[in-house]
């Protein structure tokens, strides 16, 4: 794998490339994976053409890192602060994996003003033929325990979400945030067309995003105890100023998350959560 710096809509980023033609692009702002293209030239992630690249705002699309808070479940800005800050690219270690690119965020005066804890966050992006793995590792560098929630908020690109289906969540406990309803989802496959926002107990086996053009397998670590599935639908999409009115048709968020029971991390302890996307 090779890596090269570039300017992406005015923001510093790094492009990773494989010999087979597969590549991904990662912005330093938010350690945000912006693009993943397989050797066949197909873009696998959705990035909104109206996304803001001002170095301060969260970027709409790709894979935002939600940490140390999910959504508005706490006193921090929505989805925490990690996605809104610049991360540092780590120099590759001599004996390190050449297929992996690592970015780091450490506590600073800016983070401690919001959240008074010492930490190190590392995002490792591993690119392989037909696969992308994203791993978030959190270290407690402080003298006391603290808790957090996290999610890898992946925007998957689809040809048309109304003809796609997501398999693998049958029998899972579901909280439907649109209707504020909890139940066991017995549908063999999820289908989309209106606003969809649900938190599932994560299944033991990978999910399958199936569409006429092919299938994407989605797996996550056991440490991510929830899977979030989100699509804004036409009404909400029209209200989001950083998403085209028809943007909802080209995307489906399937997120590896730790939400319902936050991680309690002891001093010196470490937690890791990951998601892997594989073209079947």
C-alpha atoms as a PDB file:
ATOM      1  CA  UNK A   1       0.000   0.000   0.000  1.00  0.00           C
ATOM      2  CA  UNK A   2       1.165   3.529  -0.750  1.00  0.00           C
ATOM      3  CA  UNK A   3       0.057   6.753   0.911  1.00  0.00           C
ATOM      4  CA  UNK A   4       0.233  10.282  -0.417  1.00  0.00           C
ATOM      5  CA  UNK A   5      -0.934  13.633   1.004  1.00  0.00           C
ATOM      6  CA  UNK A   6      -3.436  15.704  -0.918  1.00  0.00           C
ATOM      7  CA  UNK A   7      -5.741  18.673  -0.635  1.00  0.00           C
ATOM      8  CA  UNK A   8      -9.393  17.597  -0.523  1.00  0.00           C
ATOM      9  CA  UNK A   9     -11.816  20.500  -0.912  1.00  0.00           C
ATOM     10  CA  UNK A  10      -9.332  22.741   0.878  1.00  0.00           C
ATOM     11  CA  UNK A  11      -8.603  20.317   3.725  1.00  0.00           C
ATOM     12  CA  UNK A  12      -5.515  18.137   4.278  1.00  0.00           C
ATOM     13  CA  UNK A  13      -6.081  14.465   3.557  1.00  0.00           C
ATOM     14  CA  UNK A  14      -4.182  11.295   2.740  1.00  0.00           C
ATOM     15  CA  UNK A  15      -4.907   8.889  -0.111  1.00  0.00           C
ATOM     16  CA  UNK A  16      -4.107   5.228   0.403  1.00  0.00           C
ATOM     17  CA  UNK A  17      -3.738   3.048  -2.693  1.00  0.00           C
ATOM     18  CA  UNK A  18      -3.300  -0.638  -3.415  1.00  0.00           C
ATOM     19  CA  UNK A  19      -1.532  -2.148  -6.393  1.00  0.00           C
ATOM     20  CA  UNK A  20      -4.857  -3.534  -7.664  1.00  0.00           C
ATOM     21  CA  UNK A  21      -6.283   0.000  -7.997  1.00  0.00           C
ATOM     22  CA  UNK A  22      -8.322   0.057  -4.791  1.00  0.00           C
ATOM     23  CA  UNK A  23      -7.979   3.208  -2.694  1.00  0.00           C
ATOM     24  CA  UNK A  24      -9.378   5.223   0.164  1.00  0.00           C
ATOM     25  CA  UNK A  25      -9.057   8.842   1.235  1.00  0.00           C
ATOM     26  CA  UNK A  26      -8.897  10.007   4.845  1.00  0.00           C
ATOM     27  CA  UNK A  27      -9.214  13.627   6.000  1.00  0.00           C
ATOM     28  CA  UNK A  28      -7.136  14.735   8.992  1.00  0.00           C
ATOM     29  CA  UNK A  29     -10.151  16.730  10.158  1.00  0.00           C
ATOM     30  CA  UNK A  30     -12.040  14.260  12.317  1.00  0.00           C
ATOM     31  CA  UNK A  31      -9.927  11.287  11.104  1.00  0.00           C
ATOM     32  CA  UNK A  32     -12.740  11.076   8.605  1.00  0.00           C
ATOM     33  CA  UNK A  33     -12.690   8.384   5.902  1.00  0.00           C
ATOM     34  CA  UNK A  34     -14.099  10.209   2.866  1.00  0.00           C
ATOM     35  CA  UNK A  35     -13.890   7.635   0.106  1.00  0.00           C
ATOM     36  CA  UNK A  36     -13.337   3.934  -0.470  1.00  0.00           C
ATOM     37  CA  UNK A  37     -13.043   2.718  -4.040  1.00  0.00           C
ATOM     38  CA  UNK A  38     -12.465  -0.930  -4.922  1.00  0.00           C
ATOM     39  CA  UNK A  39     -10.368  -2.173  -7.833  1.00  0.00           C
ATOM     40  CA  UNK A  40     -13.403  -2.198 -10.113  1.00  0.00           C
ATOM     41  CA  UNK A  41     -13.646   1.581  -9.735  1.00  0.00           C
ATOM     42  CA  UNK A  42     -16.866   1.504  -7.695  1.00  0.00           C
ATOM     43  CA  UNK A  43     -17.194   4.052  -4.870  1.00  0.00           C
ATOM     44  CA  UNK A  44     -18.478   2.266  -1.763  1.00  0.00           C
ATOM     45  CA  UNK A  45     -19.042   5.244   0.572  1.00  0.00           C
ATOM     46  CA  UNK A  46     -21.445   8.155   0.182  1.00  0.00           C
ATOM     47  CA  UNK A  47     -20.087  11.687   0.568  1.00  0.00           C
ATOM     48  CA  UNK A  48     -22.585  14.501   0.238  1.00  0.00           C
ATOM     49  CA  UNK A  49     -21.708  16.975  -2.533  1.00  0.00           C
ATOM     50  CA  UNK A  50     -23.001  19.663  -0.164  1.00  0.00           C
ATOM     51  CA  UNK A  51     -20.788  18.576   2.769  1.00  0.00           C
ATOM     52  CA  UNK A  52     -18.981  21.403   4.566  1.00  0.00           C
ATOM     53  CA  UNK A  53     -15.176  21.383   4.487  1.00  0.00           C
ATOM     54  CA  UNK A  54     -14.431  24.403   6.692  1.00  0.00           C
ATOM     55  CA  UNK A  55     -12.138  22.646   9.166  1.00  0.00           C
ATOM     56  CA  UNK A  56     -14.671  23.086  11.965  1.00  0.00           C
ATOM     57  CA  UNK A  57     -17.953  21.461  10.974  1.00  0.00           C
ATOM     58  CA  UNK A  58     -18.686  17.763  10.878  1.00  0.00           C
ATOM     59  CA  UNK A  59     -18.472  16.353   7.346  1.00  0.00           C
ATOM     60  CA  UNK A  60     -21.681  14.855   5.950  1.00  0.00           C
ATOM     61  CA  UNK A  61     -20.906  11.403   4.597  1.00  0.00           C
ATOM     62  CA  UNK A  62     -17.985   9.001   4.605  1.00  0.00           C
ATOM     63  CA  UNK A  63     -17.284   7.585   8.073  1.00  0.00           C
ATOM     64  CA  UNK A  64     -17.573  10.150  10.889  1.00  0.00           C
ATOM     65  CA  UNK A  65     -16.111   9.160  14.271  1.00  0.00           C
ATOM     66  CA  UNK A  66     -18.724   9.743  16.979  1.00  0.00           C
ATOM     67  CA  UNK A  67     -16.902   9.977  20.320  1.00  0.00           C
ATOM     68  CA  UNK A  68     -17.096  10.365  23.326  1.00  0.00           C
ATOM     69  CA  UNK A  69     -20.859  10.891  22.986  1.00  0.00           C
ATOM     70  CA  UNK A  70     -23.491   9.485  20.650  1.00  0.00           C
ATOM     71  CA  UNK A  71     -26.050  11.876  19.168  1.00  0.00           C
ATOM     72  CA  UNK A  72     -27.374  14.237  21.851  1.00  0.00           C
ATOM     73  CA  UNK A  73     -27.251  11.746  24.719  1.00  0.00           C
ATOM     74  CA  UNK A  74     -25.210  13.977  27.007  1.00  0.00           C
ATOM     75  CA  UNK A  75     -23.962  17.532  27.471  1.00  0.00           C
ATOM     76  CA  UNK A  76     -21.380  17.562  24.664  1.00  0.00           C
ATOM     77  CA  UNK A  77     -21.972  18.762  21.094  1.00  0.00           C
ATOM     78  CA  UNK A  78     -23.930  16.265  18.989  1.00  0.00           C
ATOM     79  CA  UNK A  79     -21.911  13.055  18.489  1.00  0.00           C
ATOM     80  CA  UNK A  80     -19.084  14.431  20.642  1.00  0.00           C
ATOM     81  CA  UNK A  81     -16.052  16.426  19.556  1.00  0.00           C
ATOM     82  CA  UNK A  82     -13.743  13.910  17.843  1.00  0.00           C
ATOM     83  CA  UNK A  83     -15.279  14.443  14.384  1.00  0.00           C
ATOM     84  CA  UNK A  84     -14.819  18.231  14.634  1.00  0.00           C
ATOM     85  CA  UNK A  85     -11.103  18.380  15.501  1.00  0.00           C
ATOM     86  CA  UNK A  86      -7.879  17.864  13.537  1.00  0.00           C
ATOM     87  CA  UNK A  87      -6.111  14.529  14.118  1.00  0.00           C
ATOM     88  CA  UNK A  88      -2.406  13.832  13.578  1.00  0.00           C
ATOM     89  CA  UNK A  89      -1.135  11.213  11.156  1.00  0.00           C
ATOM     90  CA  UNK A  90       1.226   8.776  12.853  1.00  0.00           C
ATOM     91  CA  UNK A  91       4.541   7.988  11.208  1.00  0.00           C
ATOM     92  CA  UNK A  92       4.601   4.354  10.076  1.00  0.00           C
ATOM     93  CA  UNK A  93       6.586   2.098  12.387  1.00  0.00           C
ATOM     94  CA  UNK A  94       9.446   0.140  10.877  1.00  0.00           C
ATOM     95  CA  UNK A  95       7.823  -3.147  11.840  1.00  0.00           C
ATOM     96  CA  UNK A  96       4.264  -1.873  11.492  1.00  0.00           C
ATOM     97  CA  UNK A  97       1.595  -3.043   9.049  1.00  0.00           C
ATOM     98  CA  UNK A  98       2.089  -1.434   5.673  1.00  0.00           C
ATOM     99  CA  UNK A  99      -1.606  -1.824   4.851  1.00  0.00           C
ATOM    100  CA  UNK A 100      -2.721   0.342   7.784  1.00  0.00           C
ATOM    101  CA  UNK A 101      -2.820   4.125   8.214  1.00  0.00           C
ATOM    102  CA  UNK A 102      -3.170   5.498  11.769  1.00  0.00           C
ATOM    103  CA  UNK A 103      -4.325   8.892  13.052  1.00  0.00           C
ATOM    104  CA  UNK A 104      -4.227  10.088  16.653  1.00  0.00           C
ATOM    105  CA  UNK A 105      -6.143  12.585  18.787  1.00  0.00           C
ATOM    106  CA  UNK A 106      -4.985  13.476  22.289  1.00  0.00           C
ATOM    107  CA  UNK A 107      -6.630  15.590  24.947  1.00  0.00           C
ATOM    108  CA  UNK A 108      -5.884  19.301  24.753  1.00  0.00           C
ATOM    109  CA  UNK A 109      -7.043  22.532  26.360  1.00  0.00           C
ATOM    110  CA  UNK A 110      -9.863  22.593  23.801  1.00  0.00           C
ATOM    111  CA  UNK A 111     -11.092  19.077  24.637  1.00  0.00           C
ATOM    112  CA  UNK A 112     -10.641  19.497  28.404  1.00  0.00           C
ATOM    113  CA  UNK A 113     -12.799  22.612  28.302  1.00  0.00           C
ATOM    114  CA  UNK A 114     -15.623  20.348  27.071  1.00  0.00           C
ATOM    115  CA  UNK A 115     -14.707  17.045  28.716  1.00  0.00           C
ATOM    116  CA  UNK A 116     -12.147  17.100  31.565  1.00  0.00           C
ATOM    117  CA  UNK A 117     -10.345  13.809  30.897  1.00  0.00           C
ATOM    118  CA  UNK A 118      -6.918  12.703  29.643  1.00  0.00           C
ATOM    119  CA  UNK A 119      -7.096  10.342  26.680  1.00  0.00           C
ATOM    120  CA  UNK A 120      -5.562   9.108  23.473  1.00  0.00           C
ATOM    121  CA  UNK A 121      -7.795   8.127  20.550  1.00  0.00           C
ATOM    122  CA  UNK A 122      -6.351   6.241  17.570  1.00  0.00           C
ATOM    123  CA  UNK A 123      -8.118   5.443  14.315  1.00  0.00           C
ATOM    124  CA  UNK A 124      -6.531   2.703  12.226  1.00  0.00           C
ATOM    125  CA  UNK A 125      -7.678   2.401   8.607  1.00  0.00           C
ATOM    126  CA  UNK A 126      -6.727  -0.893   6.989  1.00  0.00           C
ATOM    127  CA  UNK A 127      -7.173  -1.235   3.235  1.00  0.00           C
ATOM    128  CA  UNK A 128      -7.214  -4.647   1.554  1.00  0.00           C
ATOM    129  CA  UNK A 129      -8.471  -5.941  -1.804  1.00  0.00           C
ATOM    130  CA  UNK A 130     -12.281  -5.715  -1.630  1.00  0.00           C
ATOM    131  CA  UNK A 131     -12.254  -4.802   2.083  1.00  0.00           C
ATOM    132  CA  UNK A 132     -11.937  -1.821   4.420  1.00  0.00           C
ATOM    133  CA  UNK A 133     -11.478  -2.108   8.174  1.00  0.00           C
ATOM    134  CA  UNK A 134     -11.755   0.881  10.531  1.00  0.00           C
ATOM    135  CA  UNK A 135     -10.742   0.445  14.177  1.00  0.00           C
ATOM    136  CA  UNK A 136     -11.121   3.033  16.946  1.00  0.00           C
ATOM    137  CA  UNK A 137      -8.911   2.550  20.015  1.00  0.00           C
ATOM    138  CA  UNK A 138      -9.354   4.612  23.189  1.00  0.00           C
ATOM    139  CA  UNK A 139      -6.775   4.836  26.001  1.00  0.00           C
ATOM    140  CA  UNK A 140      -7.445   6.330  29.434  1.00  0.00           C
ATOM    141  CA  UNK A 141      -4.355   8.435  30.183  1.00  0.00           C
ATOM    142  CA  UNK A 142      -5.834   9.933  33.355  1.00  0.00           C
ATOM    143  CA  UNK A 143      -5.807   9.059  37.049  1.00  0.00           C
ATOM    144  CA  UNK A 144      -9.490   8.154  37.358  1.00  0.00           C
ATOM    145  CA  UNK A 145     -12.117   6.184  35.441  1.00  0.00           C
ATOM    146  CA  UNK A 146     -14.439   7.781  32.891  1.00  0.00           C
ATOM    147  CA  UNK A 147     -17.157   6.610  30.551  1.00  0.00           C
ATOM    148  CA  UNK A 148     -18.007   7.216  26.912  1.00  0.00           C
ATOM    149  CA  UNK A 149     -20.158   6.155  23.977  1.00  0.00           C
ATOM    150  CA  UNK A 150     -18.896   5.680  20.430  1.00  0.00           C
ATOM    151  CA  UNK A 151     -19.931   4.931  16.868  1.00  0.00           C
ATOM    152  CA  UNK A 152     -18.381   4.557  13.431  1.00  0.00           C
ATOM    153  CA  UNK A 153     -21.133   6.356  11.507  1.00  0.00           C
ATOM    154  CA  UNK A 154     -20.587   4.784   8.064  1.00  0.00           C
ATOM    155  CA  UNK A 155     -22.505   6.236   5.109  1.00  0.00           C
ATOM    156  CA  UNK A 156     -22.674   3.398   2.578  1.00  0.00           C
ATOM    157  CA  UNK A 157     -23.289   4.326  -1.036  1.00  0.00           C
ATOM    158  CA  UNK A 158     -26.200   2.567  -2.749  1.00  0.00           C
ATOM    159  CA  UNK A 159     -27.561   2.760  -6.282  1.00  0.00           C
ATOM    160  CA  UNK A 160     -31.086   3.387  -4.983  1.00  0.00           C
ATOM    161  CA  UNK A 161     -31.981   2.740  -1.349  1.00  0.00           C
ATOM    162  CA  UNK A 162     -35.581   1.921  -2.287  1.00  0.00           C
ATOM    163  CA  UNK A 163     -34.417  -1.244  -4.073  1.00  0.00           C
ATOM    164  CA  UNK A 164     -31.713  -2.187  -1.544  1.00  0.00           C
ATOM    165  CA  UNK A 165     -32.259  -4.449   1.439  1.00  0.00           C
ATOM    166  CA  UNK A 166     -30.317  -5.061   4.638  1.00  0.00           C
ATOM    167  CA  UNK A 167     -30.243  -8.652   5.859  1.00  0.00           C
ATOM    168  CA  UNK A 168     -29.139 -10.096   9.190  1.00  0.00           C
ATOM    169  CA  UNK A 169     -31.160  -8.244  11.847  1.00  0.00           C
ATOM    170  CA  UNK A 170     -34.125 -10.600  12.042  1.00  0.00           C
ATOM    171  CA  UNK A 171     -34.796 -11.433  15.697  1.00  0.00           C
ATOM    172  CA  UNK A 172     -32.758  -8.508  17.060  1.00  0.00           C
ATOM    173  CA  UNK A 173     -34.036  -6.146  19.745  1.00  0.00           C
ATOM    174  CA  UNK A 174     -34.834  -2.797  18.100  1.00  0.00           C
ATOM    175  CA  UNK A 175     -35.488   0.714  19.289  1.00  0.00           C
ATOM    176  CA  UNK A 176     -37.284   2.611  16.535  1.00  0.00           C
ATOM    177  CA  UNK A 177     -36.322   6.246  17.186  1.00  0.00           C
ATOM    178  CA  UNK A 178     -38.825   7.585  14.643  1.00  0.00           C
ATOM    179  CA  UNK A 179     -41.776   6.038  16.511  1.00  0.00           C
ATOM    180  CA  UNK A 180     -40.083   5.738  19.944  1.00  0.00           C
ATOM    181  CA  UNK A 181     -40.987   2.073  20.024  1.00  0.00           C
ATOM    182  CA  UNK A 182     -39.083  -0.966  21.303  1.00  0.00           C
ATOM    183  CA  UNK A 183     -39.701  -4.423  19.881  1.00  0.00           C
ATOM    184  CA  UNK A 184     -38.048  -7.468  18.340  1.00  0.00           C
ATOM    185  CA  UNK A 185     -37.678  -6.988  14.594  1.00  0.00           C
ATOM    186  CA  UNK A 186     -38.897 -10.108  12.793  1.00  0.00           C
ATOM    187  CA  UNK A 187     -38.475  -8.831   9.234  1.00  0.00           C
ATOM    188  CA  UNK A 188     -36.197 -11.099   7.150  1.00  0.00           C
ATOM    189  CA  UNK A 189     -34.742  -7.954   5.564  1.00  0.00           C
ATOM    190  CA  UNK A 190     -35.022  -4.213   6.140  1.00  0.00           C
ATOM    191  CA  UNK A 191     -36.307  -2.051   3.287  1.00  0.00           C
ATOM    192  CA  UNK A 192     -36.265   1.710   2.950  1.00  0.00           C
ATOM    193  CA  UNK A 193     -38.244   4.581   1.455  1.00  0.00           C
ATOM    194  CA  UNK A 194     -39.161   6.884   4.345  1.00  0.00           C
ATOM    195  CA  UNK A 195     -37.213   8.094   7.386  1.00  0.00           C
ATOM    196  CA  UNK A 196     -35.556   5.137   9.119  1.00  0.00           C
ATOM    197  CA  UNK A 197     -33.668   5.559  12.407  1.00  0.00           C
ATOM    198  CA  UNK A 198     -33.231   2.500  14.626  1.00  0.00           C
ATOM    199  CA  UNK A 199     -30.781   1.099  17.163  1.00  0.00           C
ATOM    200  CA  UNK A 200     -30.433  -2.693  17.116  1.00  0.00           C
ATOM    201  CA  UNK A 201     -28.712  -5.101  19.458  1.00  0.00           C
ATOM    202  CA  UNK A 202     -25.834  -6.126  17.226  1.00  0.00           C
ATOM    203  CA  UNK A 203     -26.047  -9.620  15.737  1.00  0.00           C
ATOM    204  CA  UNK A 204     -23.326 -12.236  16.042  1.00  0.00           C
ATOM    205  CA  UNK A 205     -23.033 -12.648  12.288  1.00  0.00           C
ATOM    206  CA  UNK A 206     -22.219 -10.052   9.615  1.00  0.00           C
ATOM    207  CA  UNK A 207     -25.013  -8.096   7.938  1.00  0.00           C
ATOM    208  CA  UNK A 208     -25.509  -8.104   4.175  1.00  0.00           C
ATOM    209  CA  UNK A 209     -26.432  -4.996   2.200  1.00  0.00           C
ATOM    210  CA  UNK A 210     -27.931  -6.452  -0.967  1.00  0.00           C
ATOM    211  CA  UNK A 211     -28.683  -4.508  -4.144  1.00  0.00           C
ATOM    212  CA  UNK A 212     -28.843  -5.400  -7.832  1.00  0.00           C
ATOM    213  CA  UNK A 213     -25.238  -4.316  -8.410  1.00  0.00           C
ATOM    214  CA  UNK A 214     -23.815  -6.551  -5.678  1.00  0.00           C
ATOM    215  CA  UNK A 215     -23.586  -7.297  -1.970  1.00  0.00           C
ATOM    216  CA  UNK A 216     -21.593  -5.682   0.819  1.00  0.00           C
ATOM    217  CA  UNK A 217     -20.877  -7.646   3.989  1.00  0.00           C
ATOM    218  CA  UNK A 218     -20.760  -5.568   7.195  1.00  0.00           C
ATOM    219  CA  UNK A 219     -19.180  -6.921  10.375  1.00  0.00           C
ATOM    220  CA  UNK A 220     -18.250  -5.322  13.694  1.00  0.00           C
ATOM    221  CA  UNK A 221     -16.436  -6.100  16.916  1.00  0.00           C
ATOM    222  CA  UNK A 222     -18.298  -7.617  19.869  1.00  0.00           C
ATOM    223  CA  UNK A 223     -17.287  -4.504  21.828  1.00  0.00           C
ATOM    224  CA  UNK A 224     -19.722  -2.550  19.635  1.00  0.00           C
ATOM    225  CA  UNK A 225     -22.906  -3.866  21.192  1.00  0.00           C
ATOM    226  CA  UNK A 226     -25.310  -1.949  18.925  1.00  0.00           C
ATOM    227  CA  UNK A 227     -25.846  -1.463  15.209  1.00  0.00           C
ATOM    228  CA  UNK A 228     -27.491   1.780  14.116  1.00  0.00           C
ATOM    229  CA  UNK A 229     -29.355   1.914  10.803  1.00  0.00           C
ATOM    230  CA  UNK A 230     -30.298   5.353   9.475  1.00  0.00           C
ATOM    231  CA  UNK A 231     -31.684   6.891   6.335  1.00  0.00           C
ATOM    232  CA  UNK A 232     -33.262  10.383   6.461  1.00  0.00           C
ATOM    233  CA  UNK A 233     -35.919   9.699   3.830  1.00  0.00           C
ATOM    234  CA  UNK A 234     -37.194  12.431   1.490  1.00  0.00           C
ATOM    235  CA  UNK A 235     -38.761  14.767   4.085  1.00  0.00           C
ATOM    236  CA  UNK A 236     -35.768  15.028   6.439  1.00  0.00           C
ATOM    237  CA  UNK A 237     -33.292  15.034   3.551  1.00  0.00           C
ATOM    238  CA  UNK A 238     -34.969  18.188   2.209  1.00  0.00           C
ATOM    239  CA  UNK A 239     -34.409  19.890   5.584  1.00  0.00           C
ATOM    240  CA  UNK A 240     -30.676  19.142   5.837  1.00  0.00           C
ATOM    241  CA  UNK A 241     -28.693  21.936   4.231  1.00  0.00           C
ATOM    242  CA  UNK A 242     -25.561  19.805   3.741  1.00  0.00           C
ATOM    243  CA  UNK A 243     -27.423  17.005   1.939  1.00  0.00           C
ATOM    244  CA  UNK A 244     -29.111  17.253  -1.486  1.00  0.00           C
ATOM    245  CA  UNK A 245     -32.871  16.791  -1.447  1.00  0.00           C
ATOM    246  CA  UNK A 246     -32.458  13.440  -3.224  1.00  0.00           C
ATOM    247  CA  UNK A 247     -29.318  12.469  -1.302  1.00  0.00           C
ATOM    248  CA  UNK A 248     -31.263   9.970   0.800  1.00  0.00           C
ATOM    249  CA  UNK A 249     -31.626   7.719  -2.251  1.00  0.00           C
ATOM    250  CA  UNK A 250     -27.867   7.178  -2.607  1.00  0.00           C
ATOM    251  CA  UNK A 251     -26.993   6.388   1.040  1.00  0.00           C
ATOM    252  CA  UNK A 252     -27.645   4.096   3.954  1.00  0.00           C
ATOM    253  CA  UNK A 253     -25.912   4.467   7.300  1.00  0.00           C
ATOM    254  CA  UNK A 254     -25.029   1.191   9.017  1.00  0.00           C
ATOM    255  CA  UNK A 255     -23.038   2.017  12.137  1.00  0.00           C
ATOM    256  CA  UNK A 256     -20.976  -0.024  14.581  1.00  0.00           C
ATOM    257  CA  UNK A 257     -21.818   1.538  17.936  1.00  0.00           C
ATOM    258  CA  UNK A 258     -21.560   1.355  21.696  1.00  0.00           C
ATOM    259  CA  UNK A 259     -24.522   3.326  23.031  1.00  0.00           C
ATOM    260  CA  UNK A 260     -26.924   1.770  25.518  1.00  0.00           C
ATOM    261  CA  UNK A 261     -24.276   0.769  28.069  1.00  0.00           C
ATOM    262  CA  UNK A 262     -21.387   3.243  27.904  1.00  0.00           C
ATOM    263  CA  UNK A 263     -17.841   1.969  28.276  1.00  0.00           C
ATOM    264  CA  UNK A 264     -16.392   2.580  31.750  1.00  0.00           C
ATOM    265  CA  UNK A 265     -12.634   2.773  31.217  1.00  0.00           C
ATOM    266  CA  UNK A 266     -10.241   2.453  34.152  1.00  0.00           C
ATOM    267  CA  UNK A 267      -6.983   4.449  34.344  1.00  0.00           C
ATOM    268  CA  UNK A 268      -4.430   2.903  31.994  1.00  0.00           C
ATOM    269  CA  UNK A 269      -7.053   0.716  30.326  1.00  0.00           C
ATOM    270  CA  UNK A 270      -7.830   0.478  26.624  1.00  0.00           C
ATOM    271  CA  UNK A 271     -10.958  -0.167  24.538  1.00  0.00           C
ATOM    272  CA  UNK A 272     -11.253  -0.915  20.838  1.00  0.00           C
ATOM    273  CA  UNK A 273     -14.215  -1.097  18.482  1.00  0.00           C
ATOM    274  CA  UNK A 274     -14.111  -1.829  14.766  1.00  0.00           C
ATOM    275  CA  UNK A 275     -16.173  -2.218  11.636  1.00  0.00           C
ATOM    276  CA  UNK A 276     -15.207  -4.113   8.489  1.00  0.00           C
ATOM    277  CA  UNK A 277     -16.780  -3.710   5.060  1.00  0.00           C
ATOM    278  CA  UNK A 278     -16.210  -6.476   2.533  1.00  0.00           C
ATOM    279  CA  UNK A 279     -17.424  -6.727  -1.047  1.00  0.00           C
ATOM    280  CA  UNK A 280     -18.937 -10.207  -1.294  1.00  0.00           C
END
